[in-house]
Amino acid sequence: MENNLPNCPKCNSEYTYEDGMMLVCPMCSYEWIPEEEKVEEENTIKDSNGNILKDGDTVAVIKDLKVNGSSSVIKIGTKAKNIRLIVDAADGHDISCKIDGMGAMKLKSSVVKKI
């Protein structure tokens, strides 16, 4: 019998089974609904290292960034605390934050790392 179900997202076990609308992993007892997993993956924003970011996280800039409309530069290692994520950012700037000495601005998740 061939199992066409996905592996467990927690422990990667291949022995998952269906229980009504849910999938269950007998190895770690994790239960999930497959549709929720797909929606969650689509709306996640990850940093430059692949860590999932959440509202309220603290991130650090991984390279010097020029600030548009100013001669200022955000130096590598600058921290942004209590970030807010922008899920449907049309311009690619998916993080809204305040940086000390610079004020409010938007950053791309590809130029930060989670602390």
Protein backbone atom coordinates (compact mmCIF):
# COMPACT_ATOMS: atom_id res chain seq x y z
CA MET A 1 0.00 0.00 0.00
CA GLU A 2 1.46 3.34 -1.08
CA ASN A 3 1.15 6.36 1.24
CA ASN A 4 0.59 9.58 -0.77
CA LEU A 5 0.26 11.70 2.37
CA PRO A 6 2.88 14.33 3.25
CA ASN A 7 5.51 13.69 5.89
CA CYS A 8 4.94 15.13 9.35
CA PRO A 9 5.93 18.83 9.43
CA LYS A 10 7.27 18.46 13.00
CA CYS A 11 9.37 15.27 12.93
CA ASN A 12 9.37 14.45 9.18
CA SER A 13 7.98 10.96 9.81
CA GLU A 14 6.60 9.20 6.75
CA TYR A 15 4.01 7.25 8.76
CA THR A 16 1.25 9.87 8.72
CA TYR A 17 -2.39 8.85 8.43
CA GLU A 18 -5.76 10.52 7.92
CA ASP A 19 -8.27 10.93 10.74
CA GLY A 20 -11.31 12.62 9.24
CA MET A 21 -10.21 16.06 7.97
CA MET A 22 -6.92 15.94 9.87
CA LEU A 23 -3.58 14.27 9.32
CA VAL A 24 -1.91 12.59 12.30
CA CYS A 25 1.67 11.56 12.98
CA PRO A 26 1.90 8.44 15.17
CA MET A 27 5.56 9.14 15.95
CA CYS A 28 5.18 12.56 17.64
CA SER A 29 1.35 12.79 17.96
CA TYR A 30 1.21 16.00 15.91
CA GLU A 31 -2.14 16.70 14.23
CA TRP A 32 -2.75 19.21 11.43
CA ILE A 33 -5.12 20.15 8.65
CA PRO A 34 -3.31 20.08 5.27
CA GLU A 35 -5.00 23.23 3.90
CA GLU A 36 -3.94 25.28 6.92
CA GLU A 37 -0.34 24.24 6.38
CA LYS A 38 -0.39 25.48 2.77
CA VAL A 39 -1.97 28.84 3.65
CA GLU A 40 0.50 29.31 6.48
CA GLU A 41 3.47 28.68 4.14
CA GLU A 42 2.18 31.19 1.57
CA ASN A 43 1.88 34.00 4.12
CA THR A 44 5.19 33.48 5.92
CA ILE A 45 7.97 36.02 5.65
CA LYS A 46 11.50 34.74 6.18
CA ASP A 47 14.76 36.51 6.93
CA SER A 48 17.98 36.10 4.96
CA ASN A 49 18.78 32.87 6.85
CA GLY A 50 15.35 31.31 6.28
CA ASN A 51 14.01 31.92 9.80
CA ILE A 52 10.30 32.72 9.95
CA LEU A 53 9.63 36.28 11.10
CA LYS A 54 6.69 37.33 13.28
CA ASP A 55 5.29 40.67 14.40
CA GLY A 56 7.27 41.95 17.38
CA ASP A 57 10.57 40.23 16.49
CA THR A 58 13.92 41.99 16.63
CA VAL A 59 16.09 41.90 13.51
CA ALA A 60 19.54 43.15 12.53
CA VAL A 61 20.56 44.56 9.15
CA ILE A 62 23.11 42.31 7.38
CA LYS A 63 24.60 44.91 5.01
CA ASP A 64 24.97 48.68 4.75
CA LEU A 65 21.84 50.26 3.24
CA LYS A 66 21.52 53.67 1.63
CA VAL A 67 18.40 55.55 2.68
CA ASN A 68 16.45 56.92 -0.30
CA GLY A 69 16.11 60.71 -0.28
CA SER A 70 18.88 61.13 2.25
CA SER A 71 22.65 60.94 2.53
CA SER A 72 22.26 58.64 5.56
CA VAL A 73 23.33 55.00 5.66
CA ILE A 74 21.98 52.21 7.86
CA LYS A 75 25.09 50.38 9.01
CA ILE A 76 25.49 46.61 9.17
CA GLY A 77 24.35 45.24 12.53
CA THR A 78 21.79 47.99 13.16
CA LYS A 79 18.86 46.56 15.13
CA ALA A 80 15.18 47.10 14.47
CA LYS A 81 12.99 46.13 17.42
CA ASN A 82 9.30 45.29 17.47
CA ILE A 83 8.90 44.89 13.71
CA ARG A 84 5.54 44.71 11.90
CA LEU A 85 5.13 42.47 8.87
CA ILE A 86 3.45 43.61 5.66
CA VAL A 87 2.12 40.45 3.97
CA ASP A 88 1.04 41.89 0.60
CA ALA A 89 3.85 44.39 0.01
CA ALA A 90 3.74 45.45 -3.63
CA ASP A 91 7.22 47.03 -3.57
CA GLY A 92 8.96 44.13 -1.80
CA HIS A 93 9.47 46.01 1.46
CA ASP A 94 7.73 43.57 3.79
CA ILE A 95 8.90 44.86 7.19
CA SER A 96 7.76 48.08 8.85
CA CYS A 97 9.93 49.21 11.76
CA LYS A 98 11.52 52.08 13.65
CA ILE A 99 15.28 52.42 13.71
CA ASP A 100 16.89 54.55 16.43
CA GLY A 101 18.19 57.81 14.97
CA MET A 102 16.43 57.19 11.64
CA GLY A 103 12.74 56.91 12.48
CA ALA A 104 10.07 54.78 10.80
CA MET A 105 10.94 52.95 7.60
CA LYS A 106 10.31 49.84 5.58
CA LEU A 107 12.89 47.11 4.95
CA LYS A 108 13.08 43.99 2.81
CA SER A 109 13.27 40.72 4.72
CA SER A 110 16.18 39.64 2.49
CA VAL A 111 18.49 42.21 4.12
CA VAL A 112 17.82 41.33 7.78
CA LYS A 113 18.44 38.44 10.13
CA LYS A 114 16.39 37.50 13.16
CA ILE A 115 18.05 37.97 16.53
